[in-house]
C-alpha atoms as a PDB file:
ATOM      1  CA  UNK A   1       7.763  27.264  37.074  1.00  0.00           C
ATOM      2  CA  UNK A   2      11.040  25.351  37.016  1.00  0.00           C
ATOM      3  CA  UNK A   3      13.096  26.151  33.846  1.00  0.00           C
ATOM      4  CA  UNK A   4      13.255  22.429  33.085  1.00  0.00           C
ATOM      5  CA  UNK A   5       9.449  22.387  32.924  1.00  0.00           C
ATOM      6  CA  UNK A   6       9.156  25.243  30.405  1.00  0.00           C
ATOM      7  CA  UNK A   7       8.589  24.847  26.696  1.00  0.00           C
ATOM      8  CA  UNK A   8      11.593  25.692  24.528  1.00  0.00           C
ATOM      9  CA  UNK A   9      12.657  25.951  20.912  1.00  0.00           C
ATOM     10  CA  UNK A  10      16.076  25.010  19.554  1.00  0.00           C
ATOM     11  CA  UNK A  11      17.385  25.517  16.023  1.00  0.00           C
ATOM     12  CA  UNK A  12      19.672  22.866  14.532  1.00  0.00           C
ATOM     13  CA  UNK A  13      20.583  23.651  10.953  1.00  0.00           C
ATOM     14  CA  UNK A  14      17.410  23.628   8.887  1.00  0.00           C
ATOM     15  CA  UNK A  15      15.447  21.922  11.681  1.00  0.00           C
ATOM     16  CA  UNK A  16      13.490  23.576  14.452  1.00  0.00           C
ATOM     17  CA  UNK A  17      13.062  21.420  17.553  1.00  0.00           C
ATOM     18  CA  UNK A  18      10.223  22.337  19.901  1.00  0.00           C
ATOM     19  CA  UNK A  19      10.091  20.917  23.402  1.00  0.00           C
ATOM     20  CA  UNK A  20       6.776  21.143  25.215  1.00  0.00           C
ATOM     21  CA  UNK A  21       5.829  20.355  28.758  1.00  0.00           C
ATOM     22  CA  UNK A  22       3.313  17.696  29.687  1.00  0.00           C
ATOM     23  CA  UNK A  23       0.911  20.511  30.579  1.00  0.00           C
ATOM     24  CA  UNK A  24       1.360  22.141  27.160  1.00  0.00           C
ATOM     25  CA  UNK A  25       0.696  18.836  25.445  1.00  0.00           C
ATOM     26  CA  UNK A  26      -2.434  18.095  27.481  1.00  0.00           C
ATOM     27  CA  UNK A  27      -3.926  21.594  27.167  1.00  0.00           C
ATOM     28  CA  UNK A  28      -7.079  21.637  25.053  1.00  0.00           C
ATOM     29  CA  UNK A  29      -6.572  23.012  21.581  1.00  0.00           C
ATOM     30  CA  UNK A  30      -8.404  26.085  20.405  1.00  0.00           C
ATOM     31  CA  UNK A  31      -8.863  24.430  17.011  1.00  0.00           C
ATOM     32  CA  UNK A  32     -12.468  24.222  16.000  1.00  0.00           C
ATOM     33  CA  UNK A  33     -13.818  21.184  14.189  1.00  0.00           C
ATOM     34  CA  UNK A  34     -15.879  22.091  11.157  1.00  0.00           C
ATOM     35  CA  UNK A  35     -17.877  19.867   8.872  1.00  0.00           C
ATOM     36  CA  UNK A  36     -16.142  19.004   5.618  1.00  0.00           C
ATOM     37  CA  UNK A  37     -17.526  20.826   2.592  1.00  0.00           C
ATOM     38  CA  UNK A  38     -17.581  18.460  -0.418  1.00  0.00           C
ATOM     39  CA  UNK A  39     -17.776  21.490  -2.756  1.00  0.00           C
ATOM     40  CA  UNK A  40     -14.609  23.105  -1.369  1.00  0.00           C
ATOM     41  CA  UNK A  41     -11.940  22.591  -4.068  1.00  0.00           C
ATOM     42  CA  UNK A  42      -9.176  23.242  -1.531  1.00  0.00           C
ATOM     43  CA  UNK A  43     -10.361  20.671   1.002  1.00  0.00           C
ATOM     44  CA  UNK A  44      -7.800  17.894   1.524  1.00  0.00           C
ATOM     45  CA  UNK A  45      -8.852  14.973  -0.653  1.00  0.00           C
ATOM     46  CA  UNK A  46      -5.851  12.663  -0.604  1.00  0.00           C
ATOM     47  CA  UNK A  47      -3.918  11.486  -3.625  1.00  0.00           C
ATOM     48  CA  UNK A  48      -6.898  10.613  -5.814  1.00  0.00           C
ATOM     49  CA  UNK A  49      -9.756  13.085  -6.185  1.00  0.00           C
ATOM     50  CA  UNK A  50     -13.391  11.878  -6.257  1.00  0.00           C
ATOM     51  CA  UNK A  51     -13.273  12.363 -10.046  1.00  0.00           C
ATOM     52  CA  UNK A  52     -10.453   9.805 -10.260  1.00  0.00           C
ATOM     53  CA  UNK A  53      -7.906  12.458 -11.186  1.00  0.00           C
ATOM     54  CA  UNK A  54      -4.566  12.822  -9.419  1.00  0.00           C
ATOM     55  CA  UNK A  55      -4.425  15.515  -6.724  1.00  0.00           C
ATOM     56  CA  UNK A  56      -1.049  17.108  -7.522  1.00  0.00           C
ATOM     57  CA  UNK A  57      -1.382  19.286  -4.395  1.00  0.00           C
ATOM     58  CA  UNK A  58      -1.556  16.293  -2.035  1.00  0.00           C
ATOM     59  CA  UNK A  59       1.056  16.642   0.723  1.00  0.00           C
ATOM     60  CA  UNK A  60       1.640  12.888   0.342  1.00  0.00           C
ATOM     61  CA  UNK A  61       3.617  13.630  -2.836  1.00  0.00           C
ATOM     62  CA  UNK A  62       6.137  15.632  -0.832  1.00  0.00           C
ATOM     63  CA  UNK A  63       6.311  18.380  -3.437  1.00  0.00           C
ATOM     64  CA  UNK A  64       7.489  16.017  -6.178  1.00  0.00           C
ATOM     65  CA  UNK A  65       4.968  17.466  -8.627  1.00  0.00           C
ATOM     66  CA  UNK A  66       6.701  20.840  -8.472  1.00  0.00           C
ATOM     67  CA  UNK A  67      10.348  21.752  -8.675  1.00  0.00           C
ATOM     68  CA  UNK A  68      12.891  21.057 -11.384  1.00  0.00           C
ATOM     69  CA  UNK A  69      11.568  17.547 -12.187  1.00  0.00           C
ATOM     70  CA  UNK A  70       7.859  18.198 -11.627  1.00  0.00           C
ATOM     71  CA  UNK A  71       6.894  17.735 -15.267  1.00  0.00           C
ATOM     72  CA  UNK A  72       8.807  14.469 -15.570  1.00  0.00           C
ATOM     73  CA  UNK A  73       7.324  13.207 -12.289  1.00  0.00           C
ATOM     74  CA  UNK A  74       3.772  14.066 -13.376  1.00  0.00           C
ATOM     75  CA  UNK A  75       4.212  12.316 -16.723  1.00  0.00           C
ATOM     76  CA  UNK A  76       5.629   9.144 -15.154  1.00  0.00           C
ATOM     77  CA  UNK A  77       3.136   9.048 -12.271  1.00  0.00           C
ATOM     78  CA  UNK A  78       0.169   9.752 -14.577  1.00  0.00           C
ATOM     79  CA  UNK A  79       1.246   7.026 -16.969  1.00  0.00           C
ATOM     80  CA  UNK A  80       1.493   4.527 -14.113  1.00  0.00           C
ATOM     81  CA  UNK A  81      -1.769   5.634 -12.457  1.00  0.00           C
ATOM     82  CA  UNK A  82      -3.821   5.391 -15.640  1.00  0.00           C
ATOM     83  CA  UNK A  83      -2.072   2.239 -16.923  1.00  0.00           C
ATOM     84  CA  UNK A  84      -4.361  -0.578 -18.075  1.00  0.00           C
ATOM     85  CA  UNK A  85      -1.553  -3.001 -18.931  1.00  0.00           C
ATOM     86  CA  UNK A  86      -1.359  -6.498 -17.459  1.00  0.00           C
ATOM     87  CA  UNK A  87       1.864  -5.467 -15.709  1.00  0.00           C
ATOM     88  CA  UNK A  88       0.752  -2.038 -14.475  1.00  0.00           C
ATOM     89  CA  UNK A  89       3.028   0.717 -15.723  1.00  0.00           C
ATOM     90  CA  UNK A  90       5.000  -1.505 -18.094  1.00  0.00           C
ATOM     91  CA  UNK A  91       4.380   0.990 -20.898  1.00  0.00           C
ATOM     92  CA  UNK A  92       5.806   3.853 -18.793  1.00  0.00           C
ATOM     93  CA  UNK A  93       9.513   2.966 -18.878  1.00  0.00           C
ATOM     94  CA  UNK A  94      10.428   5.962 -21.032  1.00  0.00           C
ATOM     95  CA  UNK A  95       8.656   8.405 -18.690  1.00  0.00           C
ATOM     96  CA  UNK A  96      10.319   6.897 -15.608  1.00  0.00           C
ATOM     97  CA  UNK A  97      13.707   6.983 -17.354  1.00  0.00           C
ATOM     98  CA  UNK A  98      13.219  10.699 -18.111  1.00  0.00           C
ATOM     99  CA  UNK A  99      12.253  11.322 -14.469  1.00  0.00           C
ATOM    100  CA  UNK A 100      15.306   9.418 -13.217  1.00  0.00           C
ATOM    101  CA  UNK A 101      17.629  11.357 -15.548  1.00  0.00           C
ATOM    102  CA  UNK A 102      16.155  14.634 -14.321  1.00  0.00           C
ATOM    103  CA  UNK A 103      16.583  13.618 -10.686  1.00  0.00           C
ATOM    104  CA  UNK A 104      20.206  12.738 -11.391  1.00  0.00           C
ATOM    105  CA  UNK A 105      20.717  16.250 -12.815  1.00  0.00           C
ATOM    106  CA  UNK A 106      19.150  17.782  -9.671  1.00  0.00           C
ATOM    107  CA  UNK A 107      20.255  15.504  -6.794  1.00  0.00           C
ATOM    108  CA  UNK A 108      19.494  18.078  -4.087  1.00  0.00           C
ATOM    109  CA  UNK A 109      15.902  18.648  -5.193  1.00  0.00           C
ATOM    110  CA  UNK A 110      14.529  15.768  -3.088  1.00  0.00           C
ATOM    111  CA  UNK A 111      16.561  16.285   0.061  1.00  0.00           C
ATOM    112  CA  UNK A 112      15.616  19.974   0.258  1.00  0.00           C
ATOM    113  CA  UNK A 113      11.877  19.083   0.399  1.00  0.00           C
ATOM    114  CA  UNK A 114      12.044  17.085   3.613  1.00  0.00           C
END
């Protein structure tokens, strides 16, 4: 095989870049599809669980629910999510202000999660 056609890995700072060949990309995966189990509490459910509660483990939150401002984020996001006000979340200004102040104290917390 020509070296230009081989898969390779390159590290650049915190990033890991993986180059694959066309053949690697087209090769069938060994992953097995399994039927979703509605009783599995760890099954990916998205941001809102069937119960209507917030799934704090959802990857879509990018880890915001944990870390130095996790508590402030949860309070602000919960207030907004459960808001019944005409202007949704209008009663949550104090929680969002607390979250913003926390994020200003820990400016690197967001960039390190990407």
